[in-house]
Amino acid sequence: MQVATTSMWTWNHSHGGTGHADLLTVQAMLKDTGYKVPEINMEAYMKVRSMIQEFMDDFLGLYISPKNRLMNSLLIAPGLPGGMMGSLMADLEKNLESINKNNIKNNKPLMSQDQLPIKLFDEVAYVWPRVGYPPLVTPFSQYVKNLALMNVMQMEKGKARWSMIADDIWDMILGKAGRLPGPLAPEIIEKAKAKGREFFTGNPQDNYPDALDKYRKMMNEKQWETGEDDEELFEYAMHPAQYETYRSGKAKVEFLADVAKKKRLYMKRANRLLPRRQARLPCRQLRKC
């Protein structure tokens, strides 16, 4: 078992954001049920856990909503991966605000924070089979979630389901990323025809010509190392704008400024909440008795 990799996934997702049951829990449950499962190297696990906790204490925790630190059993039913749930729950807060602004405008009852996730998860269950059961891994899990969320947003505003589909989601639906595991629903096929979209049946790789030589040349001109196993080259080819910002040092400056800003906000919020928490503590805990 690749404990270092797996335990990092476990700690980062179960402790650093909303996700599914962690590795230790699942391994213990399977073992108790009678399944033969590999033992976990707890020394390696704790080492990686300690490393992740350092990131959490330093800066990573500033980017995670307190709500996302709790595992939510509601996330199991829709089948979405735990790794995307932190960003999903943060997105829902913004979308809830948009929905309720529209509800106020139209004299409709406000939607609660509990109602929107359930609507979204129900819509994911509706969308996923109708777009051909794409594998729920990056980026397809995001496509399914985004499509379901857009459907919910549009229908809450009185518009039709499927009325907004992003181009990258259309590329998946049309087969430009490869043939989907399942058939498309008739309503999706009709929607594609109405939009003048053409289905792709060729080799998906033909849509993405090899550009590594171009980026290798650019790196050589800038005197940048391509990295071990060309890992820097691949990163540059996949994310050119972000990579150039990173190499220029601009990304680090912006990141450190953002961390400092978030730390100031965190301390301000903590100082505001401290009197309330102290007021709820028993006398002995405040050492005033």
C-alpha atoms as a PDB file:
ATOM      1  CA  MET A   1       0.000   0.000   0.000  1.00  0.00           C
ATOM      2  CA  GLN A   2       1.378   3.395  -0.934  1.00  0.00           C
ATOM      3  CA  VAL A   3       0.849   4.743   2.537  1.00  0.00           C
ATOM      4  CA  ALA A   4       2.592   8.094   2.078  1.00  0.00           C
ATOM      5  CA  THR A   5       0.462   9.031  -0.912  1.00  0.00           C
ATOM      6  CA  THR A   6      -2.737   7.591   0.492  1.00  0.00           C
ATOM      7  CA  SER A   7      -2.354   9.021   3.947  1.00  0.00           C
ATOM      8  CA  MET A   8      -1.716  12.475   2.490  1.00  0.00           C
ATOM      9  CA  TRP A   9      -4.976  12.140   0.553  1.00  0.00           C
ATOM     10  CA  THR A  10      -6.694  10.965   3.715  1.00  0.00           C
ATOM     11  CA  TRP A  11      -5.480  13.708   6.002  1.00  0.00           C
ATOM     12  CA  ASN A  12      -5.855  16.478   3.481  1.00  0.00           C
ATOM     13  CA  HIS A  13      -9.444  15.584   2.662  1.00  0.00           C
ATOM     14  CA  SER A  14     -10.816  14.366   5.968  1.00  0.00           C
ATOM     15  CA  HIS A  15      -9.101  16.974   8.127  1.00  0.00           C
ATOM     16  CA  GLY A  16      -8.618  19.804   5.643  1.00  0.00           C
ATOM     17  CA  GLY A  17     -11.977  19.756   3.925  1.00  0.00           C
ATOM     18  CA  THR A  18     -15.293  18.022   3.561  1.00  0.00           C
ATOM     19  CA  GLY A  19     -14.889  14.534   2.145  1.00  0.00           C
ATOM     20  CA  HIS A  20     -15.769  10.884   2.436  1.00  0.00           C
ATOM     21  CA  ALA A  21     -14.676   8.500   5.182  1.00  0.00           C
ATOM     22  CA  ASP A  22     -10.911   8.505   5.664  1.00  0.00           C
ATOM     23  CA  LEU A  23      -8.518   5.643   4.958  1.00  0.00           C
ATOM     24  CA  LEU A  24      -8.104   4.539   8.571  1.00  0.00           C
ATOM     25  CA  THR A  25     -11.859   4.228   9.103  1.00  0.00           C
ATOM     26  CA  VAL A  26     -12.466   2.336   5.870  1.00  0.00           C
ATOM     27  CA  GLN A  27      -9.524  -0.022   6.445  1.00  0.00           C
ATOM     28  CA  ALA A  28     -10.726  -0.832   9.979  1.00  0.00           C
ATOM     29  CA  MET A  29     -14.300  -1.413   8.815  1.00  0.00           C
ATOM     30  CA  LEU A  30     -13.227  -3.736   5.999  1.00  0.00           C
ATOM     31  CA  LYS A  31     -10.871  -5.627   8.292  1.00  0.00           C
ATOM     32  CA  ASP A  32     -13.561  -6.016  10.944  1.00  0.00           C
ATOM     33  CA  THR A  33     -15.996  -7.315   8.311  1.00  0.00           C
ATOM     34  CA  GLY A  34     -13.556 -10.052   7.354  1.00  0.00           C
ATOM     35  CA  TYR A  35     -11.916  -8.651   4.225  1.00  0.00           C
ATOM     36  CA  LYS A  36      -8.195  -9.140   3.719  1.00  0.00           C
ATOM     37  CA  VAL A  37      -6.732  -5.659   3.516  1.00  0.00           C
ATOM     38  CA  PRO A  38      -3.100  -4.468   3.674  1.00  0.00           C
ATOM     39  CA  GLU A  39      -1.846  -3.166   6.984  1.00  0.00           C
ATOM     40  CA  ILE A  40      -1.141   0.548   7.239  1.00  0.00           C
ATOM     41  CA  ASN A  41       2.326   1.784   8.072  1.00  0.00           C
ATOM     42  CA  MET A  42       1.267   4.075  10.900  1.00  0.00           C
ATOM     43  CA  GLU A  43       4.748   5.544  11.292  1.00  0.00           C
ATOM     44  CA  ALA A  44       4.661   6.731   7.664  1.00  0.00           C
ATOM     45  CA  TYR A  45       1.055   7.826   8.070  1.00  0.00           C
ATOM     46  CA  MET A  46       1.825   9.964  11.108  1.00  0.00           C
ATOM     47  CA  LYS A  47       4.854  11.508   9.401  1.00  0.00           C
ATOM     48  CA  VAL A  48       2.757  12.643   6.434  1.00  0.00           C
ATOM     49  CA  ARG A  49      -0.055  13.731   8.744  1.00  0.00           C
ATOM     50  CA  SER A  50       2.422  15.900  10.643  1.00  0.00           C
ATOM     51  CA  MET A  51       3.655  17.475   7.401  1.00  0.00           C
ATOM     52  CA  ILE A  52       0.104  18.249   6.289  1.00  0.00           C
ATOM     53  CA  GLN A  53      -0.705  19.738   9.693  1.00  0.00           C
ATOM     54  CA  GLU A  54       2.226  22.128   9.283  1.00  0.00           C
ATOM     55  CA  PHE A  55       0.660  23.394   6.043  1.00  0.00           C
ATOM     56  CA  MET A  56      -2.704  23.673   7.781  1.00  0.00           C
ATOM     57  CA  ASP A  57      -1.292  25.710  10.659  1.00  0.00           C
ATOM     58  CA  ASP A  58       0.853  27.881   8.401  1.00  0.00           C
ATOM     59  CA  PHE A  59      -1.545  28.892   5.618  1.00  0.00           C
ATOM     60  CA  LEU A  60      -3.767  26.124   4.242  1.00  0.00           C
ATOM     61  CA  GLY A  61      -6.267  26.366   7.080  1.00  0.00           C
ATOM     62  CA  LEU A  62      -6.914  29.994   6.177  1.00  0.00           C
ATOM     63  CA  TYR A  63      -8.458  28.885   2.885  1.00  0.00           C
ATOM     64  CA  ILE A  64     -10.838  26.305   4.332  1.00  0.00           C
ATOM     65  CA  SER A  65     -14.280  27.119   5.652  1.00  0.00           C
ATOM     66  CA  PRO A  66     -14.861  25.783   9.198  1.00  0.00           C
ATOM     67  CA  LYS A  67     -17.875  23.889   7.833  1.00  0.00           C
ATOM     68  CA  ASN A  68     -15.629  21.986   5.450  1.00  0.00           C
ATOM     69  CA  ARG A  69     -13.637  20.535   8.312  1.00  0.00           C
ATOM     70  CA  LEU A  70     -16.580  18.282   9.139  1.00  0.00           C
ATOM     71  CA  MET A  71     -17.252  15.094   7.216  1.00  0.00           C
ATOM     72  CA  ASN A  72     -20.758  15.158   5.777  1.00  0.00           C
ATOM     73  CA  SER A  73     -22.531  11.854   5.101  1.00  0.00           C
ATOM     74  CA  LEU A  74     -24.772  13.624   2.595  1.00  0.00           C
ATOM     75  CA  LEU A  75     -21.840  13.643   0.194  1.00  0.00           C
ATOM     76  CA  ILE A  76     -21.839   9.869  -0.258  1.00  0.00           C
ATOM     77  CA  ALA A  77     -25.091   9.513  -2.217  1.00  0.00           C
ATOM     78  CA  PRO A  78     -24.286  11.675  -5.289  1.00  0.00           C
ATOM     79  CA  GLY A  79     -21.004   9.841  -5.885  1.00  0.00           C
ATOM     80  CA  LEU A  80     -18.908  12.987  -6.260  1.00  0.00           C
ATOM     81  CA  PRO A  81     -15.298  12.652  -5.035  1.00  0.00           C
ATOM     82  CA  GLY A  82     -14.468  14.021  -1.612  1.00  0.00           C
ATOM     83  CA  GLY A  83     -11.562  16.053  -2.959  1.00  0.00           C
ATOM     84  CA  MET A  84     -13.842  18.564  -4.685  1.00  0.00           C
ATOM     85  CA  MET A  85     -16.279  18.997  -1.847  1.00  0.00           C
ATOM     86  CA  GLY A  86     -14.452  21.825  -0.119  1.00  0.00           C
ATOM     87  CA  SER A  87     -14.662  24.102  -3.133  1.00  0.00           C
ATOM     88  CA  LEU A  88     -18.208  22.908  -3.822  1.00  0.00           C
ATOM     89  CA  MET A  89     -19.507  23.901  -0.416  1.00  0.00           C
ATOM     90  CA  ALA A  90     -17.806  27.300  -0.717  1.00  0.00           C
ATOM     91  CA  ASP A  91     -19.395  27.811  -4.145  1.00  0.00           C
ATOM     92  CA  LEU A  92     -22.819  26.971  -2.766  1.00  0.00           C
ATOM     93  CA  GLU A  93     -22.670  29.913  -0.369  1.00  0.00           C
ATOM     94  CA  LYS A  94     -22.252  32.329  -3.288  1.00  0.00           C
ATOM     95  CA  ASN A  95     -24.966  30.630  -5.329  1.00  0.00           C
ATOM     96  CA  LEU A  96     -27.343  30.601  -2.372  1.00  0.00           C
ATOM     97  CA  GLU A  97     -26.962  34.365  -2.114  1.00  0.00           C
ATOM     98  CA  SER A  98     -27.792  34.735  -5.823  1.00  0.00           C
ATOM     99  CA  ILE A  99     -30.844  32.469  -5.544  1.00  0.00           C
ATOM    100  CA  ASN A 100     -32.187  34.306  -2.518  1.00  0.00           C
ATOM    101  CA  LYS A 101     -31.743  37.702  -4.146  1.00  0.00           C
ATOM    102  CA  ASN A 102     -33.951  36.427  -6.943  1.00  0.00           C
ATOM    103  CA  ASN A 103     -36.415  34.957  -4.425  1.00  0.00           C
ATOM    104  CA  ILE A 104     -36.701  38.291  -2.608  1.00  0.00           C
ATOM    105  CA  LYS A 105     -37.247  40.066  -5.915  1.00  0.00           C
ATOM    106  CA  ASN A 106     -40.066  37.669  -6.810  1.00  0.00           C
ATOM    107  CA  ASN A 107     -41.613  37.446  -3.321  1.00  0.00           C
ATOM    108  CA  LYS A 108     -40.655  33.787  -2.950  1.00  0.00           C
ATOM    109  CA  PRO A 109     -39.556  32.112   0.316  1.00  0.00           C
ATOM    110  CA  LEU A 110     -35.825  32.124   0.995  1.00  0.00           C
ATOM    111  CA  MET A 111     -33.842  28.943   0.494  1.00  0.00           C
ATOM    112  CA  SER A 112     -31.809  27.670   3.446  1.00  0.00           C
ATOM    113  CA  GLN A 113     -28.206  26.442   3.475  1.00  0.00           C
ATOM    114  CA  ASP A 114     -29.510  22.915   4.010  1.00  0.00           C
ATOM    115  CA  GLN A 115     -31.935  22.958   1.080  1.00  0.00           C
ATOM    116  CA  LEU A 116     -29.483  23.941  -1.678  1.00  0.00           C
ATOM    117  CA  PRO A 117     -27.025  21.013  -1.227  1.00  0.00           C
ATOM    118  CA  ILE A 118     -29.921  18.525  -1.302  1.00  0.00           C
ATOM    119  CA  LYS A 119     -31.275  20.083  -4.502  1.00  0.00           C
ATOM    120  CA  LEU A 120     -27.792  19.944  -6.026  1.00  0.00           C
ATOM    121  CA  PHE A 121     -27.173  16.312  -5.047  1.00  0.00           C
ATOM    122  CA  ASP A 122     -30.567  15.297  -6.420  1.00  0.00           C
ATOM    123  CA  GLU A 123     -29.741  17.090  -9.666  1.00  0.00           C
ATOM    124  CA  VAL A 124     -26.348  15.355  -9.884  1.00  0.00           C
ATOM    125  CA  ALA A 125     -28.190  12.032  -9.652  1.00  0.00           C
ATOM    126  CA  TYR A 126     -30.449  13.199 -12.502  1.00  0.00           C
ATOM    127  CA  VAL A 127     -27.679  14.644 -14.693  1.00  0.00           C
ATOM    128  CA  TRP A 128     -25.001  11.967 -14.435  1.00  0.00           C
ATOM    129  CA  PRO A 129     -26.761   9.101 -16.280  1.00  0.00           C
ATOM    130  CA  ARG A 130     -28.236  11.487 -18.873  1.00  0.00           C
ATOM    131  CA  VAL A 131     -24.803  12.725 -19.947  1.00  0.00           C
ATOM    132  CA  GLY A 132     -23.482   9.189 -20.408  1.00  0.00           C
ATOM    133  CA  TYR A 133     -22.058   8.323 -16.980  1.00  0.00           C
ATOM    134  CA  PRO A 134     -18.711  10.129 -17.379  1.00  0.00           C
ATOM    135  CA  PRO A 135     -16.149   8.898 -14.822  1.00  0.00           C
ATOM    136  CA  LEU A 136     -16.413  11.063 -11.717  1.00  0.00           C
ATOM    137  CA  VAL A 137     -12.774  12.105 -11.665  1.00  0.00           C
ATOM    138  CA  THR A 138     -11.157  15.414 -12.609  1.00  0.00           C
ATOM    139  CA  PRO A 139     -12.205  17.175 -14.777  1.00  0.00           C
ATOM    140  CA  PHE A 140     -15.408  15.221 -15.488  1.00  0.00           C
ATOM    141  CA  SER A 141     -16.651  15.255 -11.890  1.00  0.00           C
ATOM    142  CA  GLN A 142     -16.423  19.059 -11.991  1.00  0.00           C
ATOM    143  CA  TYR A 143     -18.319  19.106 -15.281  1.00  0.00           C
ATOM    144  CA  VAL A 144     -21.151  17.000 -13.853  1.00  0.00           C
ATOM    145  CA  LYS A 145     -21.295  19.099 -10.685  1.00  0.00           C
ATOM    146  CA  ASN A 146     -21.174  22.385 -12.595  1.00  0.00           C
ATOM    147  CA  LEU A 147     -23.892  21.273 -15.002  1.00  0.00           C
ATOM    148  CA  ALA A 148     -26.122  20.130 -12.130  1.00  0.00           C
ATOM    149  CA  LEU A 149     -25.522  23.369 -10.244  1.00  0.00           C
ATOM    150  CA  MET A 150     -26.303  25.476 -13.307  1.00  0.00           C
ATOM    151  CA  ASN A 151     -29.517  23.501 -13.822  1.00  0.00           C
ATOM    152  CA  VAL A 152     -30.554  24.164 -10.222  1.00  0.00           C
ATOM    153  CA  MET A 153     -29.722  27.859 -10.527  1.00  0.00           C
ATOM    154  CA  GLN A 154     -31.645  28.236 -13.778  1.00  0.00           C
ATOM    155  CA  MET A 155     -34.697  26.293 -12.600  1.00  0.00           C
ATOM    156  CA  GLU A 156     -34.839  28.241  -9.323  1.00  0.00           C
ATOM    157  CA  LYS A 157     -35.010  31.387 -11.467  1.00  0.00           C
ATOM    158  CA  GLY A 158     -37.856  29.965 -13.545  1.00  0.00           C
ATOM    159  CA  LYS A 159     -35.767  28.933 -16.548  1.00  0.00           C
ATOM    160  CA  ALA A 160     -35.448  25.563 -18.254  1.00  0.00           C
ATOM    161  CA  ARG A 161     -33.100  22.751 -17.307  1.00  0.00           C
ATOM    162  CA  TRP A 162     -30.095  22.487 -19.679  1.00  0.00           C
ATOM    163  CA  SER A 163     -30.539  26.153 -20.663  1.00  0.00           C
ATOM    164  CA  MET A 164     -26.887  26.886 -19.873  1.00  0.00           C
ATOM    165  CA  ILE A 165     -24.153  24.389 -20.735  1.00  0.00           C
ATOM    166  CA  ALA A 166     -20.520  25.533 -20.819  1.00  0.00           C
ATOM    167  CA  ASP A 167     -18.343  24.785 -23.861  1.00  0.00           C
ATOM    168  CA  ASP A 168     -15.991  22.450 -21.986  1.00  0.00           C
ATOM    169  CA  ILE A 169     -19.009  20.420 -20.828  1.00  0.00           C
ATOM    170  CA  TRP A 170     -20.281  20.306 -24.411  1.00  0.00           C
ATOM    171  CA  ASP A 171     -16.865  18.970 -25.480  1.00  0.00           C
ATOM    172  CA  MET A 172     -17.279  16.105 -23.024  1.00  0.00           C
ATOM    173  CA  ILE A 173     -20.860  15.430 -24.140  1.00  0.00           C
ATOM    174  CA  LEU A 174     -19.915  15.508 -27.838  1.00  0.00           C
ATOM    175  CA  GLY A 175     -17.107  12.981 -27.377  1.00  0.00           C
ATOM    176  CA  LYS A 176     -14.138  15.285 -27.823  1.00  0.00           C
ATOM    177  CA  ALA A 177     -12.569  13.860 -24.674  1.00  0.00           C
ATOM    178  CA  GLY A 178     -13.343  10.271 -25.690  1.00  0.00           C
ATOM    179  CA  ARG A 179     -16.361   8.038 -25.939  1.00  0.00           C
ATOM    180  CA  LEU A 180     -18.597   8.184 -22.874  1.00  0.00           C
ATOM    181  CA  PRO A 181     -19.278   4.931 -20.976  1.00  0.00           C
ATOM    182  CA  GLY A 182     -23.053   5.184 -21.403  1.00  0.00           C
ATOM    183  CA  PRO A 183     -25.569   6.499 -23.935  1.00  0.00           C
ATOM    184  CA  LEU A 184     -26.749  10.078 -23.902  1.00  0.00           C
ATOM    185  CA  ALA A 185     -30.351  10.805 -23.039  1.00  0.00           C
ATOM    186  CA  PRO A 186     -32.582  11.777 -25.993  1.00  0.00           C
ATOM    187  CA  GLU A 187     -33.121  15.216 -24.450  1.00  0.00           C
ATOM    188  CA  ILE A 188     -29.351  15.859 -24.552  1.00  0.00           C
ATOM    189  CA  ILE A 189     -29.051  14.678 -28.161  1.00  0.00           C
ATOM    190  CA  GLU A 190     -31.953  16.925 -29.188  1.00  0.00           C
ATOM    191  CA  LYS A 191     -30.380  19.836 -27.339  1.00  0.00           C
ATOM    192  CA  ALA A 192     -27.113  19.318 -29.221  1.00  0.00           C
ATOM    193  CA  LYS A 193     -28.880  19.212 -32.585  1.00  0.00           C
ATOM    194  CA  ALA A 194     -30.890  22.342 -31.768  1.00  0.00           C
ATOM    195  CA  LYS A 195     -27.642  24.138 -30.927  1.00  0.00           C
ATOM    196  CA  GLY A 196     -25.965  22.953 -34.130  1.00  0.00           C
ATOM    197  CA  ARG A 197     -23.389  20.954 -32.154  1.00  0.00           C
ATOM    198  CA  GLU A 198     -21.661  18.092 -33.983  1.00  0.00           C
ATOM    199  CA  PHE A 199     -20.702  14.835 -32.302  1.00  0.00           C
ATOM    200  CA  PHE A 200     -17.057  13.791 -32.539  1.00  0.00           C
ATOM    201  CA  THR A 201     -16.210  10.165 -33.314  1.00  0.00           C
ATOM    202  CA  GLY A 202     -12.502  10.435 -34.126  1.00  0.00           C
ATOM    203  CA  ASN A 203      -9.407  10.098 -31.968  1.00  0.00           C
ATOM    204  CA  PRO A 204      -9.634  12.661 -29.113  1.00  0.00           C
ATOM    205  CA  GLN A 205      -5.878  13.120 -29.188  1.00  0.00           C
ATOM    206  CA  ASP A 206      -6.218  14.704 -32.633  1.00  0.00           C
ATOM    207  CA  ASN A 207      -7.889  17.670 -30.930  1.00  0.00           C
ATOM    208  CA  TYR A 208      -4.747  18.285 -28.891  1.00  0.00           C
ATOM    209  CA  PRO A 209      -1.629  18.326 -31.100  1.00  0.00           C
ATOM    210  CA  ASP A 210       1.742  17.744 -29.437  1.00  0.00           C
ATOM    211  CA  ALA A 211       3.075  21.137 -28.379  1.00  0.00           C
ATOM    212  CA  LEU A 212       5.895  19.995 -26.111  1.00  0.00           C
ATOM    213  CA  ASP A 213       8.609  20.925 -28.610  1.00  0.00           C
ATOM    214  CA  LYS A 214       7.285  24.490 -28.716  1.00  0.00           C
ATOM    215  CA  TYR A 215       7.367  24.804 -24.923  1.00  0.00           C
ATOM    216  CA  ARG A 216      10.749  23.080 -24.693  1.00  0.00           C
ATOM    217  CA  LYS A 217      12.136  25.693 -27.112  1.00  0.00           C
ATOM    218  CA  MET A 218      10.584  28.504 -25.068  1.00  0.00           C
ATOM    219  CA  MET A 219      12.109  27.126 -21.869  1.00  0.00           C
ATOM    220  CA  ASN A 220      15.520  26.820 -23.481  1.00  0.00           C
ATOM    221  CA  GLU A 221      15.307  30.431 -24.649  1.00  0.00           C
ATOM    222  CA  LYS A 222      14.436  31.541 -21.095  1.00  0.00           C
ATOM    223  CA  GLN A 223      17.178  29.255 -19.709  1.00  0.00           C
ATOM    224  CA  TRP A 224      14.655  27.374 -17.585  1.00  0.00           C
ATOM    225  CA  GLU A 225      15.314  23.767 -16.591  1.00  0.00           C
ATOM    226  CA  THR A 226      12.733  21.272 -17.863  1.00  0.00           C
ATOM    227  CA  GLY A 227      12.992  19.375 -14.576  1.00  0.00           C
ATOM    228  CA  GLU A 228      13.401  15.723 -13.665  1.00  0.00           C
ATOM    229  CA  ASP A 229      11.467  13.577 -16.145  1.00  0.00           C
ATOM    230  CA  ASP A 230      10.464  16.854 -17.843  1.00  0.00           C
ATOM    231  CA  GLU A 231       7.992  17.601 -15.058  1.00  0.00           C
ATOM    232  CA  GLU A 232       8.588  21.364 -15.334  1.00  0.00           C
ATOM    233  CA  LEU A 233       8.060  21.155 -19.086  1.00  0.00           C
ATOM    234  CA  PHE A 234       4.728  19.387 -18.657  1.00  0.00           C
ATOM    235  CA  GLU A 235       3.620  21.928 -16.067  1.00  0.00           C
ATOM    236  CA  TYR A 236       4.498  24.820 -18.373  1.00  0.00           C
ATOM    237  CA  ALA A 237       2.675  23.216 -21.305  1.00  0.00           C
ATOM    238  CA  MET A 238      -0.471  22.603 -19.258  1.00  0.00           C
ATOM    239  CA  HIS A 239      -0.586  25.924 -17.388  1.00  0.00           C
ATOM    240  CA  PRO A 240       1.571  28.445 -19.294  1.00  0.00           C
ATOM    241  CA  ALA A 241       0.188  31.637 -17.756  1.00  0.00           C
ATOM    242  CA  GLN A 242       0.319  30.333 -14.186  1.00  0.00           C
ATOM    243  CA  TYR A 243       3.790  28.871 -14.695  1.00  0.00           C
ATOM    244  CA  GLU A 244       5.205  32.146 -16.008  1.00  0.00           C
ATOM    245  CA  THR A 245       3.674  33.973 -13.040  1.00  0.00           C
ATOM    246  CA  TYR A 246       5.308  31.426 -10.742  1.00  0.00           C
ATOM    247  CA  ARG A 247       8.740  31.701 -12.377  1.00  0.00           C
ATOM    248  CA  SER A 248       8.655  35.496 -12.338  1.00  0.00           C
ATOM    249  CA  GLY A 249       8.062  35.513  -8.578  1.00  0.00           C
ATOM    250  CA  LYS A 250       4.807  37.416  -8.955  1.00  0.00           C
ATOM    251  CA  ALA A 251       2.733  34.449  -7.781  1.00  0.00           C
ATOM    252  CA  LYS A 252       4.699  34.207  -4.521  1.00  0.00           C
ATOM    253  CA  VAL A 253       4.355  37.935  -3.818  1.00  0.00           C
ATOM    254  CA  GLU A 254       0.596  37.817  -4.437  1.00  0.00           C
ATOM    255  CA  PHE A 255       0.202  34.648  -2.377  1.00  0.00           C
ATOM    256  CA  LEU A 256       2.087  36.001   0.644  1.00  0.00           C
ATOM    257  CA  ALA A 257       0.062  39.224   0.497  1.00  0.00           C
ATOM    258  CA  ASP A 258      -3.165  37.218   0.403  1.00  0.00           C
ATOM    259  CA  VAL A 259      -2.060  35.031   3.330  1.00  0.00           C
ATOM    260  CA  ALA A 260      -1.233  38.133   5.371  1.00  0.00           C
ATOM    261  CA  LYS A 261      -4.640  39.611   4.568  1.00  0.00           C
ATOM    262  CA  LYS A 262      -6.434  36.402   5.572  1.00  0.00           C
ATOM    263  CA  LYS A 263      -4.456  36.185   8.816  1.00  0.00           C
ATOM    264  CA  ARG A 264      -5.491  39.724   9.720  1.00  0.00           C
ATOM    265  CA  LEU A 265      -9.131  38.900   9.034  1.00  0.00           C
ATOM    266  CA  TYR A 266      -8.840  35.668  11.011  1.00  0.00           C
ATOM    267  CA  MET A 267      -7.382  37.467  14.051  1.00  0.00           C
ATOM    268  CA  LYS A 268     -10.010  40.186  13.812  1.00  0.00           C
ATOM    269  CA  ARG A 269     -12.797  37.593  13.728  1.00  0.00           C
ATOM    270  CA  ALA A 270     -11.212  35.581  16.553  1.00  0.00           C
ATOM    271  CA  ASN A 271     -10.917  38.671  18.782  1.00  0.00           C
ATOM    272  CA  ARG A 272     -14.556  39.514  18.087  1.00  0.00           C
ATOM    273  CA  LEU A 273     -15.762  36.015  18.995  1.00  0.00           C
ATOM    274  CA  LEU A 274     -13.569  35.528  22.078  1.00  0.00           C
ATOM    275  CA  PRO A 275     -15.807  37.480  24.522  1.00  0.00           C
ATOM    276  CA  ARG A 276     -18.834  35.440  23.417  1.00  0.00           C
ATOM    277  CA  ARG A 277     -17.019  32.158  23.963  1.00  0.00           C
ATOM    278  CA  GLN A 278     -15.737  33.242  27.375  1.00  0.00           C
ATOM    279  CA  ALA A 279     -19.255  34.227  28.405  1.00  0.00           C
ATOM    280  CA  ARG A 280     -20.411  30.663  27.769  1.00  0.00           C
ATOM    281  CA  LEU A 281     -17.583  29.013  29.748  1.00  0.00           C
ATOM    282  CA  PRO A 282     -18.129  27.764  33.308  1.00  0.00           C
ATOM    283  CA  CYS A 283     -16.560  29.903  36.015  1.00  0.00           C
ATOM    284  CA  ARG A 284     -13.803  27.381  36.771  1.00  0.00           C
ATOM    285  CA  GLN A 285     -12.623  27.383  33.157  1.00  0.00           C
ATOM    286  CA  LEU A 286     -12.134  31.140  33.296  1.00  0.00           C
ATOM    287  CA  ARG A 287     -10.201  30.710  36.564  1.00  0.00           C
ATOM    288  CA  LYS A 288     -12.345  33.311  38.281  1.00  0.00           C
ATOM    289  CA  CYS A 289     -13.708  31.105  41.028  1.00  0.00           C
END
